Amino acid sequence: MRLVCPLARARTREARRTSAGARAIQGYYRSNDQLRQRLADFISAYNLGLSFKTSNAPAPMSLSRKASATHPQLFKLNPLQQMPGPNSKCPGETFHPIVSRESNACSPG
């Protein structure tokens, strides 16, 4: 009977599993051109992501501040647009069938 080190046996099993996994993955692409196209798409997407990450473009809030400073007539508030409509709720208002509408928290007095 031949004695074999358990570590050597484990390494052999691991090598077999690795090569079997490599054989299973091998041949995923039908041709080398398909693989090249996939890698080119991946690299271009990666580079595009880097360009977004390192962009020096201003944030949207700073753009709106700058626009409101240069064109204030575009940012004037219209009081008609600020009035609540008939279907809007006042802050803190909850509908309950027993409570009457006269006891609304938004109504004066």
PDB file of N, CA and C in Angstrom:
ATOM      1  N   MET A   1       0.838  -1.167   0.000  1.00  0.00           N
ATOM      2  CA  MET A   1       0.000   0.000   0.000  1.00  0.00           C
ATOM      3  C   MET A   1       0.890   1.240   0.000  1.00  0.00           C
ATOM      4  N   ARG A   2       0.502   2.167  -0.839  1.00  0.00           N
ATOM      5  CA  ARG A   2       1.308   3.363  -0.993  1.00  0.00           C
ATOM      6  C   ARG A   2       0.758   4.477  -0.109  1.00  0.00           C
ATOM      7  N   LEU A   3       1.605   5.143   0.643  1.00  0.00           N
ATOM      8  CA  LEU A   3       1.183   6.242   1.504  1.00  0.00           C
ATOM      9  C   LEU A   3       1.293   7.555   0.728  1.00  0.00           C
ATOM     10  N   VAL A   4       0.224   8.355   0.806  1.00  0.00           N
ATOM     11  CA  VAL A   4       0.202   9.640   0.109  1.00  0.00           C
ATOM     12  C   VAL A   4      -0.147  10.720   1.127  1.00  0.00           C
ATOM     13  N   CYS A   5       0.555  11.798   1.045  1.00  0.00           N
ATOM     14  CA  CYS A   5       0.306  12.923   1.948  1.00  0.00           C
ATOM     15  C   CYS A   5      -1.095  13.491   1.687  1.00  0.00           C
ATOM     16  N   PRO A   6      -1.892  13.754   2.733  1.00  0.00           N
ATOM     17  CA  PRO A   6      -3.242  14.291   2.531  1.00  0.00           C
ATOM     18  C   PRO A   6      -3.243  15.651   1.830  1.00  0.00           C
ATOM     19  N   LEU A   7      -2.208  16.458   2.079  1.00  0.00           N
ATOM     20  CA  LEU A   7      -2.158  17.757   1.418  1.00  0.00           C
ATOM     21  C   LEU A   7      -1.956  17.609  -0.085  1.00  0.00           C
ATOM     22  N   ALA A   8      -1.123  16.660  -0.480  1.00  0.00           N
ATOM     23  CA  ALA A   8      -0.894  16.421  -1.904  1.00  0.00           C
ATOM     24  C   ALA A   8      -2.175  15.932  -2.565  1.00  0.00           C
ATOM     25  N   ARG A   9      -2.923  15.080  -1.855  1.00  0.00           N
ATOM     26  CA  ARG A   9      -4.186  14.574  -2.386  1.00  0.00           C
ATOM     27  C   ARG A   9      -5.175  15.736  -2.579  1.00  0.00           C
ATOM     28  N   ALA A  10      -5.217  16.658  -1.609  1.00  0.00           N
ATOM     29  CA  ALA A  10      -6.133  17.797  -1.708  1.00  0.00           C
ATOM     30  C   ALA A  10      -5.738  18.707  -2.869  1.00  0.00           C
ATOM     31  N   ARG A  11      -4.440  18.903  -3.042  1.00  0.00           N
ATOM     32  CA  ARG A  11      -3.987  19.745  -4.149  1.00  0.00           C
ATOM     33  C   ARG A  11      -4.348  19.120  -5.494  1.00  0.00           C
ATOM     34  N   THR A  12      -4.226  17.815  -5.584  1.00  0.00           N
ATOM     35  CA  THR A  12      -4.574  17.132  -6.827  1.00  0.00           C
ATOM     36  C   THR A  12      -6.057  17.297  -7.124  1.00  0.00           C
ATOM     37  N   ARG A  13      -6.906  17.113  -6.082  1.00  0.00           N
ATOM     38  CA  ARG A  13      -8.347  17.286  -6.264  1.00  0.00           C
ATOM     39  C   ARG A  13      -8.668  18.718  -6.706  1.00  0.00           C
ATOM     40  N   GLU A  14      -7.998  19.682  -6.081  1.00  0.00           N
ATOM     41  CA  GLU A  14      -8.248  21.082  -6.418  1.00  0.00           C
ATOM     42  C   GLU A  14      -7.845  21.366  -7.859  1.00  0.00           C
ATOM     43  N   ALA A  15      -6.726  20.824  -8.288  1.00  0.00           N
ATOM     44  CA  ALA A  15      -6.270  21.022  -9.661  1.00  0.00           C
ATOM     45  C   ALA A  15      -7.258  20.401 -10.641  1.00  0.00           C
ATOM     46  N   ARG A  16      -7.791  19.232 -10.310  1.00  0.00           N
ATOM     47  CA  ARG A  16      -8.777  18.598 -11.192  1.00  0.00           C
ATOM     48  C   ARG A  16     -10.029  19.459 -11.296  1.00  0.00           C
ATOM     49  N   ARG A  17     -10.495  19.983 -10.133  1.00  0.00           N
ATOM     50  CA  ARG A  17     -11.697  20.817 -10.138  1.00  0.00           C
ATOM     51  C   ARG A  17     -11.475  22.082 -10.963  1.00  0.00           C
ATOM     52  N   THR A  18     -10.301  22.674 -10.829  1.00  0.00           N
ATOM     53  CA  THR A  18     -10.004  23.906 -11.549  1.00  0.00           C
ATOM     54  C   THR A  18      -9.978  23.662 -13.051  1.00  0.00           C
ATOM     55  N   SER A  19      -9.332  22.594 -13.473  1.00  0.00           N
ATOM     56  CA  SER A  19      -9.263  22.316 -14.904  1.00  0.00           C
ATOM     57  C   SER A  19     -10.635  21.930 -15.445  1.00  0.00           C
ATOM     58  N   ALA A  20     -11.454  21.254 -14.642  1.00  0.00           N
ATOM     59  CA  ALA A  20     -12.799  20.904 -15.088  1.00  0.00           C
ATOM     60  C   ALA A  20     -13.641  22.165 -15.238  1.00  0.00           C
ATOM     61  N   GLY A  21     -13.483  23.091 -14.293  1.00  0.00           N
ATOM     62  CA  GLY A  21     -14.214  24.351 -14.390  1.00  0.00           C
ATOM     63  C   GLY A  21     -13.778  25.153 -15.596  1.00  0.00           C
ATOM     64  N   ALA A  22     -12.487  25.116 -15.884  1.00  0.00           N
ATOM     65  CA  ALA A  22     -11.975  25.835 -17.044  1.00  0.00           C
ATOM     66  C   ALA A  22     -12.524  25.227 -18.327  1.00  0.00           C
ATOM     67  N   ARG A  23     -12.643  23.907 -18.359  1.00  0.00           N
ATOM     68  CA  ARG A  23     -13.207  23.266 -19.544  1.00  0.00           C
ATOM     69  C   ARG A  23     -14.673  23.632 -19.710  1.00  0.00           C
ATOM     70  N   ALA A  24     -15.393  23.789 -18.595  1.00  0.00           N
ATOM     71  CA  ALA A  24     -16.813  24.127 -18.686  1.00  0.00           C
ATOM     72  C   ALA A  24     -16.994  25.554 -19.195  1.00  0.00           C
ATOM     73  N   ILE A  25     -16.110  26.454 -18.796  1.00  0.00           N
ATOM     74  CA  ILE A  25     -16.228  27.851 -19.212  1.00  0.00           C
ATOM     75  C   ILE A  25     -15.728  28.030 -20.637  1.00  0.00           C
ATOM     76  N   GLN A  26     -14.783  27.210 -21.021  1.00  0.00           N
ATOM     77  CA  GLN A  26     -14.192  27.318 -22.345  1.00  0.00           C
ATOM     78  C   GLN A  26     -15.269  27.131 -23.411  1.00  0.00           C
ATOM     79  N   GLY A  27     -15.212  27.928 -24.456  1.00  0.00           N
ATOM     80  CA  GLY A  27     -16.170  27.781 -25.535  1.00  0.00           C
ATOM     81  C   GLY A  27     -17.471  28.522 -25.292  1.00  0.00           C
ATOM     82  N   TYR A  28     -17.480  29.509 -24.388  1.00  0.00           N
ATOM     83  CA  TYR A  28     -18.695  30.272 -24.132  1.00  0.00           C
ATOM     84  C   TYR A  28     -19.045  31.118 -25.347  1.00  0.00           C
ATOM     85  N   TYR A  29     -18.035  31.674 -25.997  1.00  0.00           N
ATOM     86  CA  TYR A  29     -18.251  32.475 -27.191  1.00  0.00           C
ATOM     87  C   TYR A  29     -18.093  31.583 -28.412  1.00  0.00           C
ATOM     88  N   ARG A  30     -18.905  31.829 -29.398  1.00  0.00           N
ATOM     89  CA  ARG A  30     -18.892  30.963 -30.578  1.00  0.00           C
ATOM     90  C   ARG A  30     -17.671  31.199 -31.460  1.00  0.00           C
ATOM     91  N   SER A  31     -17.135  32.423 -31.397  1.00  0.00           N
ATOM     92  CA  SER A  31     -15.948  32.715 -32.206  1.00  0.00           C
ATOM     93  C   SER A  31     -15.073  33.721 -31.471  1.00  0.00           C
ATOM     94  N   ASN A  32     -13.856  33.838 -31.947  1.00  0.00           N
ATOM     95  CA  ASN A  32     -12.941  34.810 -31.355  1.00  0.00           C
ATOM     96  C   ASN A  32     -13.413  36.238 -31.611  1.00  0.00           C
ATOM     97  N   ASP A  33     -14.070  36.454 -32.748  1.00  0.00           N
ATOM     98  CA  ASP A  33     -14.584  37.794 -33.041  1.00  0.00           C
ATOM     99  C   ASP A  33     -15.651  38.202 -32.024  1.00  0.00           C
ATOM    100  N   GLN A  34     -16.483  37.244 -31.631  1.00  0.00           N
ATOM    101  CA  GLN A  34     -17.511  37.535 -30.634  1.00  0.00           C
ATOM    102  C   GLN A  34     -16.867  37.888 -29.287  1.00  0.00           C
ATOM    103  N   LEU A  35     -15.821  37.171 -28.920  1.00  0.00           N
ATOM    104  CA  LEU A  35     -15.102  37.468 -27.683  1.00  0.00           C
ATOM    105  C   LEU A  35     -14.435  38.840 -27.759  1.00  0.00           C
ATOM    106  N   ARG A  36     -13.806  39.143 -28.886  1.00  0.00           N
ATOM    107  CA  ARG A  36     -13.167  40.452 -29.050  1.00  0.00           C
ATOM    108  C   ARG A  36     -14.192  41.585 -28.952  1.00  0.00           C
ATOM    109  N   GLN A  37     -15.358  41.380 -29.559  1.00  0.00           N
ATOM    110  CA  GLN A  37     -16.405  42.403 -29.507  1.00  0.00           C
ATOM    111  C   GLN A  37     -16.894  42.605 -28.079  1.00  0.00           C
ATOM    112  N   ARG A  38     -17.051  41.518 -27.348  1.00  0.00           N
ATOM    113  CA  ARG A  38     -17.504  41.605 -25.954  1.00  0.00           C
ATOM    114  C   ARG A  38     -16.484  42.351 -25.095  1.00  0.00           C
ATOM    115  N   LEU A  39     -15.207  42.041 -25.275  1.00  0.00           N
ATOM    116  CA  LEU A  39     -14.165  42.728 -24.516  1.00  0.00           C
ATOM    117  C   LEU A  39     -14.082  44.206 -24.893  1.00  0.00           C
ATOM    118  N   ALA A  40     -14.238  44.517 -26.175  1.00  0.00           N
ATOM    119  CA  ALA A  40     -14.210  45.922 -26.601  1.00  0.00           C
ATOM    120  C   ALA A  40     -15.383  46.689 -25.998  1.00  0.00           C
ATOM    121  N   ASP A  41     -16.572  46.069 -25.961  1.00  0.00           N
ATOM    122  CA  ASP A  41     -17.737  46.716 -25.345  1.00  0.00           C
ATOM    123  C   ASP A  41     -17.510  46.941 -23.862  1.00  0.00           C
ATOM    124  N   PHE A  42     -16.926  45.948 -23.199  1.00  0.00           N
ATOM    125  CA  PHE A  42     -16.674  46.070 -21.764  1.00  0.00           C
ATOM    126  C   PHE A  42     -15.696  47.205 -21.477  1.00  0.00           C
ATOM    127  N   ILE A  43     -14.625  47.281 -22.256  1.00  0.00           N
ATOM    128  CA  ILE A  43     -13.615  48.318 -22.025  1.00  0.00           C
ATOM    129  C   ILE A  43     -14.181  49.701 -22.325  1.00  0.00           C
ATOM    130  N   SER A  44     -14.987  49.825 -23.377  1.00  0.00           N
ATOM    131  CA  SER A  44     -15.568  51.143 -23.677  1.00  0.00           C
ATOM    132  C   SER A  44     -16.560  51.561 -22.598  1.00  0.00           C
ATOM    133  N   ALA A  45     -17.336  50.616 -22.055  1.00  0.00           N
ATOM    134  CA  ALA A  45     -18.252  50.948 -20.963  1.00  0.00           C
ATOM    135  C   ALA A  45     -17.478  51.338 -19.711  1.00  0.00           C
ATOM    136  N   TYR A  46     -16.392  50.659 -19.447  1.00  0.00           N
ATOM    137  CA  TYR A  46     -15.553  50.980 -18.288  1.00  0.00           C
ATOM    138  C   TYR A  46     -14.976  52.389 -18.422  1.00  0.00           C
ATOM    139  N   ASN A  47     -14.461  52.715 -19.606  1.00  0.00           N
ATOM    140  CA  ASN A  47     -13.889  54.043 -19.826  1.00  0.00           C
ATOM    141  C   ASN A  47     -14.956  55.129 -19.740  1.00  0.00           C
ATOM    142  N   LEU A  48     -16.155  54.839 -20.220  1.00  0.00           N
ATOM    143  CA  LEU A  48     -17.241  55.808 -20.119  1.00  0.00           C
ATOM    144  C   LEU A  48     -17.605  56.046 -18.656  1.00  0.00           C
ATOM    145  N   GLY A  49     -17.644  54.987 -17.867  1.00  0.00           N
ATOM    146  CA  GLY A  49     -17.914  55.136 -16.440  1.00  0.00           C
ATOM    147  C   GLY A  49     -16.854  55.968 -15.749  1.00  0.00           C
ATOM    148  N   LEU A  50     -15.599  55.781 -16.130  1.00  0.00           N
ATOM    149  CA  LEU A  50     -14.528  56.597 -15.551  1.00  0.00           C
ATOM    150  C   LEU A  50     -14.686  58.061 -15.925  1.00  0.00           C
ATOM    151  N   SER A  51     -15.106  58.320 -17.155  1.00  0.00           N
ATOM    152  CA  SER A  51     -15.272  59.717 -17.557  1.00  0.00           C
ATOM    153  C   SER A  51     -16.411  60.369 -16.789  1.00  0.00           C
ATOM    154  N   PHE A  52     -17.468  59.618 -16.467  1.00  0.00           N
ATOM    155  CA  PHE A  52     -18.543  60.167 -15.644  1.00  0.00           C
ATOM    156  C   PHE A  52     -18.056  60.424 -14.229  1.00  0.00           C
ATOM    157  N   LYS A  53     -17.246  59.518 -13.733  1.00  0.00           N
ATOM    158  CA  LYS A  53     -16.778  59.621 -12.353  1.00  0.00           C
ATOM    159  C   LYS A  53     -15.845  60.817 -12.178  1.00  0.00           C
ATOM    160  N   THR A  54     -15.029  61.100 -13.170  1.00  0.00           N
ATOM    161  CA  THR A  54     -14.054  62.183 -13.057  1.00  0.00           C
ATOM    162  C   THR A  54     -14.523  63.442 -13.768  1.00  0.00           C
ATOM    163  N   SER A  55     -15.822  63.552 -14.002  1.00  0.00           N
ATOM    164  CA  SER A  55     -16.359  64.705 -14.708  1.00  0.00           C
ATOM    165  C   SER A  55     -16.230  65.963 -13.857  1.00  0.00           C
ATOM    166  N   ASN A  56     -15.875  67.052 -14.485  1.00  0.00           N
ATOM    167  CA  ASN A  56     -15.768  68.332 -13.792  1.00  0.00           C
ATOM    168  C   ASN A  56     -16.998  69.196 -14.026  1.00  0.00           C
ATOM    169  N   ALA A  57     -18.093  68.603 -14.465  1.00  0.00           N
ATOM    170  CA  ALA A  57     -19.319  69.354 -14.716  1.00  0.00           C
ATOM    171  C   ALA A  57     -19.925  69.811 -13.399  1.00  0.00           C
ATOM    172  N   PRO A  58     -20.563  70.984 -13.388  1.00  0.00           N
ATOM    173  CA  PRO A  58     -21.168  71.473 -12.143  1.00  0.00           C
ATOM    174  C   PRO A  58     -22.403  70.663 -11.765  1.00  0.00           C
ATOM    175  N   ALA A  59     -22.717  70.692 -10.507  1.00  0.00           N
ATOM    176  CA  ALA A  59     -23.883  69.976 -10.003  1.00  0.00           C
ATOM    177  C   ALA A  59     -25.156  70.702 -10.447  1.00  0.00           C
ATOM    178  N   PRO A  60     -26.296  70.003 -10.526  1.00  0.00           N
ATOM    179  CA  PRO A  60     -27.540  70.640 -10.966  1.00  0.00           C
ATOM    180  C   PRO A  60     -27.954  71.824 -10.098  1.00  0.00           C
ATOM    181  N   MET A  61     -27.727  71.737  -8.789  1.00  0.00           N
ATOM    182  CA  MET A  61     -28.122  72.835  -7.910  1.00  0.00           C
ATOM    183  C   MET A  61     -27.308  74.092  -8.200  1.00  0.00           C
ATOM    184  N   SER A  62     -26.025  73.943  -8.456  1.00  0.00           N
ATOM    185  CA  SER A  62     -25.210  75.120  -8.768  1.00  0.00           C
ATOM    186  C   SER A  62     -25.610  75.704 -10.121  1.00  0.00           C
ATOM    187  N   LEU A  63     -26.020  74.853 -11.057  1.00  0.00           N
ATOM    188  CA  LEU A  63     -26.500  75.363 -12.341  1.00  0.00           C
ATOM    189  C   LEU A  63     -27.766  76.184 -12.164  1.00  0.00           C
ATOM    190  N   SER A  64     -28.697  75.708 -11.317  1.00  0.00           N
ATOM    191  CA  SER A  64     -29.937  76.458 -11.114  1.00  0.00           C
ATOM    192  C   SER A  64     -29.664  77.768 -10.379  1.00  0.00           C
ATOM    193  N   ARG A  65     -28.734  77.782  -9.433  1.00  0.00           N
ATOM    194  CA  ARG A  65     -28.374  79.031  -8.750  1.00  0.00           C
ATOM    195  C   ARG A  65     -27.789  80.043  -9.736  1.00  0.00           C
ATOM    196  N   LYS A  66     -26.932  79.557 -10.601  1.00  0.00           N
ATOM    197  CA  LYS A  66     -26.308  80.438 -11.585  1.00  0.00           C
ATOM    198  C   LYS A  66     -27.358  80.983 -12.554  1.00  0.00           C
ATOM    199  N   ALA A  67     -28.289  80.131 -12.978  1.00  0.00           N
ATOM    200  CA  ALA A  67     -29.340  80.572 -13.895  1.00  0.00           C
ATOM    201  C   ALA A  67     -30.271  81.565 -13.225  1.00  0.00           C
ATOM    202  N   SER A  68     -30.584  81.356 -11.941  1.00  0.00           N
ATOM    203  CA  SER A  68     -31.467  82.300 -11.249  1.00  0.00           C
ATOM    204  C   SER A  68     -30.776  83.640 -11.039  1.00  0.00           C
ATOM    205  N   ALA A  69     -29.460  83.649 -10.946  1.00  0.00           N
ATOM    206  CA  ALA A  69     -28.734  84.912 -10.801  1.00  0.00           C
ATOM    207  C   ALA A  69     -28.665  85.663 -12.126  1.00  0.00           C
ATOM    208  N   THR A  70     -28.515  84.947 -13.229  1.00  0.00           N
ATOM    209  CA  THR A  70     -28.383  85.615 -14.525  1.00  0.00           C
ATOM    210  C   THR A  70     -29.736  85.941 -15.156  1.00  0.00           C
ATOM    211  N   HIS A  71     -30.756  85.111 -14.928  1.00  0.00           N
ATOM    212  CA  HIS A  71     -32.095  85.324 -15.505  1.00  0.00           C
ATOM    213  C   HIS A  71     -33.150  85.280 -14.404  1.00  0.00           C
ATOM    214  N   PRO A  72     -33.253  86.310 -13.568  1.00  0.00           N
ATOM    215  CA  PRO A  72     -34.199  86.248 -12.450  1.00  0.00           C
ATOM    216  C   PRO A  72     -35.660  86.264 -12.889  1.00  0.00           C
ATOM    217  N   GLN A  73     -35.963  86.774 -14.090  1.00  0.00           N
ATOM    218  CA  GLN A  73     -37.350  86.824 -14.541  1.00  0.00           C
ATOM    219  C   GLN A  73     -37.929  85.422 -14.754  1.00  0.00           C
ATOM    220  N   LEU A  74     -37.084  84.439 -14.987  1.00  0.00           N
ATOM    221  CA  LEU A  74     -37.563  83.068 -15.169  1.00  0.00           C
ATOM    222  C   LEU A  74     -37.924  82.408 -13.845  1.00  0.00           C
ATOM    223  N   PHE A  75     -37.447  82.959 -12.739  1.00  0.00           N
ATOM    224  CA  PHE A  75     -37.623  82.312 -11.447  1.00  0.00           C
ATOM    225  C   PHE A  75     -38.575  83.071 -10.523  1.00  0.00           C
ATOM    226  N   LYS A  76     -39.385  83.986 -11.059  1.00  0.00           N
ATOM    227  CA  LYS A  76     -40.352  84.699 -10.228  1.00  0.00           C
ATOM    228  C   LYS A  76     -41.491  83.755  -9.876  1.00  0.00           C
ATOM    229  N   LEU A  77     -41.923  83.817  -8.621  1.00  0.00           N
ATOM    230  CA  LEU A  77     -43.015  82.963  -8.176  1.00  0.00           C
ATOM    231  C   LEU A  77     -44.352  83.544  -8.611  1.00  0.00           C
ATOM    232  N   ASN A  78     -45.205  82.708  -9.132  1.00  0.00           N
ATOM    233  CA  ASN A  78     -46.555  83.095  -9.504  1.00  0.00           C
ATOM    234  C   ASN A  78     -47.476  82.665  -8.373  1.00  0.00           C
ATOM    235  N   PRO A  79     -48.189  83.603  -7.710  1.00  0.00           N
ATOM    236  CA  PRO A  79     -49.031  83.207  -6.578  1.00  0.00           C
ATOM    237  C   PRO A  79     -50.158  82.259  -6.970  1.00  0.00           C
ATOM    238  N   LEU A  80     -50.596  82.315  -8.228  1.00  0.00           N
ATOM    239  CA  LEU A  80     -51.667  81.409  -8.652  1.00  0.00           C
ATOM    240  C   LEU A  80     -51.183  79.960  -8.678  1.00  0.00           C
ATOM    241  N   GLN A  81     -49.904  79.769  -8.932  1.00  0.00           N
ATOM    242  CA  GLN A  81     -49.364  78.413  -8.948  1.00  0.00           C
ATOM    243  C   GLN A  81     -49.104  77.892  -7.547  1.00  0.00           C
ATOM    244  N   GLN A  82     -49.092  78.781  -6.550  1.00  0.00           N
ATOM    245  CA  GLN A  82     -48.814  78.375  -5.181  1.00  0.00           C
ATOM    246  C   GLN A  82     -50.075  78.020  -4.402  1.00  0.00           C
ATOM    247  N   MET A  83     -51.264  78.319  -4.955  1.00  0.00           N
ATOM    248  CA  MET A  83     -52.520  78.053  -4.246  1.00  0.00           C
ATOM    249  C   MET A  83     -52.843  76.566  -4.316  1.00  0.00           C
ATOM    250  N   PRO A  84     -53.286  75.974  -3.210  1.00  0.00           N
ATOM    251  CA  PRO A  84     -53.644  74.557  -3.244  1.00  0.00           C
ATOM    252  C   PRO A  84     -54.927  74.343  -4.037  1.00  0.00           C
ATOM    253  N   GLY A  85     -54.988  73.260  -4.739  1.00  0.00           N
ATOM    254  CA  GLY A  85     -56.167  72.936  -5.528  1.00  0.00           C
ATOM    255  C   GLY A  85     -57.253  72.290  -4.689  1.00  0.00           C
ATOM    256  N   PRO A  86     -58.391  71.948  -5.307  1.00  0.00           N
ATOM    257  CA  PRO A  86     -59.508  71.383  -4.547  1.00  0.00           C
ATOM    258  C   PRO A  86     -59.227  69.979  -4.006  1.00  0.00           C
ATOM    259  N   ASN A  87     -58.317  69.237  -4.613  1.00  0.00           N
ATOM    260  CA  ASN A  87     -58.060  67.863  -4.178  1.00  0.00           C
ATOM    261  C   ASN A  87     -56.809  67.734  -3.316  1.00  0.00           C
ATOM    262  N   SER A  88     -56.211  68.848  -2.951  1.00  0.00           N
ATOM    263  CA  SER A  88     -54.987  68.764  -2.159  1.00  0.00           C
ATOM    264  C   SER A  88     -55.317  68.784  -0.680  1.00  0.00           C
ATOM    265  N   LYS A  89     -54.505  68.125   0.102  1.00  0.00           N
ATOM    266  CA  LYS A  89     -54.678  68.088   1.555  1.00  0.00           C
ATOM    267  C   LYS A  89     -53.810  69.152   2.192  1.00  0.00           C
ATOM    268  N   CYS A  90     -54.285  69.702   3.273  1.00  0.00           N
ATOM    269  CA  CYS A  90     -53.479  70.630   4.049  1.00  0.00           C
ATOM    270  C   CYS A  90     -52.538  69.822   4.930  1.00  0.00           C
ATOM    271  N   PRO A  91     -51.412  70.390   5.331  1.00  0.00           N
ATOM    272  CA  PRO A  91     -50.500  69.654   6.209  1.00  0.00           C
ATOM    273  C   PRO A  91     -51.189  69.279   7.514  1.00  0.00           C
ATOM    274  N   GLY A  92     -51.066  68.055   7.900  1.00  0.00           N
ATOM    275  CA  GLY A  92     -51.653  67.588   9.154  1.00  0.00           C
ATOM    276  C   GLY A  92     -53.102  67.165   9.029  1.00  0.00           C
ATOM    277  N   GLU A  93     -53.705  67.309   7.865  1.00  0.00           N
ATOM    278  CA  GLU A  93     -55.112  66.946   7.703  1.00  0.00           C
ATOM    279  C   GLU A  93     -55.234  65.452   7.443  1.00  0.00           C
ATOM    280  N   THR A  94     -56.100  64.805   8.156  1.00  0.00           N
ATOM    281  CA  THR A  94     -56.411  63.403   7.910  1.00  0.00           C
ATOM    282  C   THR A  94     -57.912  63.280   7.768  1.00  0.00           C
ATOM    283  N   PHE A  95     -58.357  62.455   6.874  1.00  0.00           N
ATOM    284  CA  PHE A  95     -59.791  62.284   6.662  1.00  0.00           C
ATOM    285  C   PHE A  95     -60.319  61.229   7.616  1.00  0.00           C
ATOM    286  N   HIS A  96     -61.341  61.603   8.337  1.00  0.00           N
ATOM    287  CA  HIS A  96     -62.017  60.669   9.222  1.00  0.00           C
ATOM    288  C   HIS A  96     -63.505  60.926   9.065  1.00  0.00           C
ATOM    289  N   PRO A  97     -64.324  59.903   8.828  1.00  0.00           N
ATOM    290  CA  PRO A  97     -65.741  60.140   8.544  1.00  0.00           C
ATOM    291  C   PRO A  97     -66.507  60.773   9.701  1.00  0.00           C
ATOM    292  N   ILE A  98     -66.047  60.602  10.939  1.00  0.00           N
ATOM    293  CA  ILE A  98     -66.777  61.148  12.082  1.00  0.00           C
ATOM    294  C   ILE A  98     -66.452  62.623  12.271  1.00  0.00           C
ATOM    295  N   VAL A  99     -65.225  63.023  11.988  1.00  0.00           N
ATOM    296  CA  VAL A  99     -64.807  64.411  12.181  1.00  0.00           C
ATOM    297  C   VAL A  99     -65.377  65.251  11.046  1.00  0.00           C
ATOM    298  N   SER A 100     -65.966  66.398  11.373  1.00  0.00           N
ATOM    299  CA  SER A 100     -66.563  67.246  10.348  1.00  0.00           C
ATOM    300  C   SER A 100     -65.478  68.031   9.618  1.00  0.00           C
ATOM    301  N   ARG A 101     -65.817  68.530   8.441  1.00  0.00           N
ATOM    302  CA  ARG A 101     -64.881  69.309   7.648  1.00  0.00           C
ATOM    303  C   ARG A 101     -64.651  70.690   8.249  1.00  0.00           C
ATOM    304  N   GLU A 102     -65.564  71.168   9.085  1.00  0.00           N
ATOM    305  CA  GLU A 102     -65.404  72.491   9.675  1.00  0.00           C
ATOM    306  C   GLU A 102     -64.238  72.528  10.657  1.00  0.00           C
ATOM    307  N   SER A 103     -63.871  71.395  11.216  1.00  0.00           N
ATOM    308  CA  SER A 103     -62.785  71.357  12.192  1.00  0.00           C
ATOM    309  C   SER A 103     -61.439  71.117  11.513  1.00  0.00           C
ATOM    310  N   ASN A 104     -61.293  71.631  10.320  1.00  0.00           N
ATOM    311  CA  ASN A 104     -60.062  71.455   9.558  1.00  0.00           C
ATOM    312  C   ASN A 104     -58.937  72.269  10.200  1.00  0.00           C
ATOM    313  N   ALA A 105     -57.764  71.696  10.301  1.00  0.00           N
ATOM    314  CA  ALA A 105     -56.635  72.373  10.935  1.00  0.00           C
ATOM    315  C   ALA A 105     -56.133  73.542  10.094  1.00  0.00           C
ATOM    316  N   CYS A 106     -56.422  73.545   8.791  1.00  0.00           N
ATOM    317  CA  CYS A 106     -55.912  74.602   7.923  1.00  0.00           C
ATOM    318  C   CYS A 106     -56.809  75.830   7.914  1.00  0.00           C
ATOM    319  N   SER A 107     -58.055  75.681   8.294  1.00  0.00           N
ATOM    320  CA  SER A 107     -58.975  76.819   8.228  1.00  0.00           C
ATOM    321  C   SER A 107     -58.664  77.806   9.340  1.00  0.00           C
ATOM    322  N   PRO A 108     -58.759  79.110   9.050  1.00  0.00           N
ATOM    323  CA  PRO A 108     -58.458  80.097  10.088  1.00  0.00           C
ATOM    324  C   PRO A 108     -59.512  80.094  11.179  1.00  0.00           C
ATOM    325  N   GLY A 109     -59.071  80.269  12.405  1.00  0.00           N
ATOM    326  CA  GLY A 109     -59.974  80.374  13.557  1.00  0.00           C
ATOM    327  C   GLY A 109     -60.481  79.101  13.952  1.00  0.00           C
TER     328      GLY A 109
END
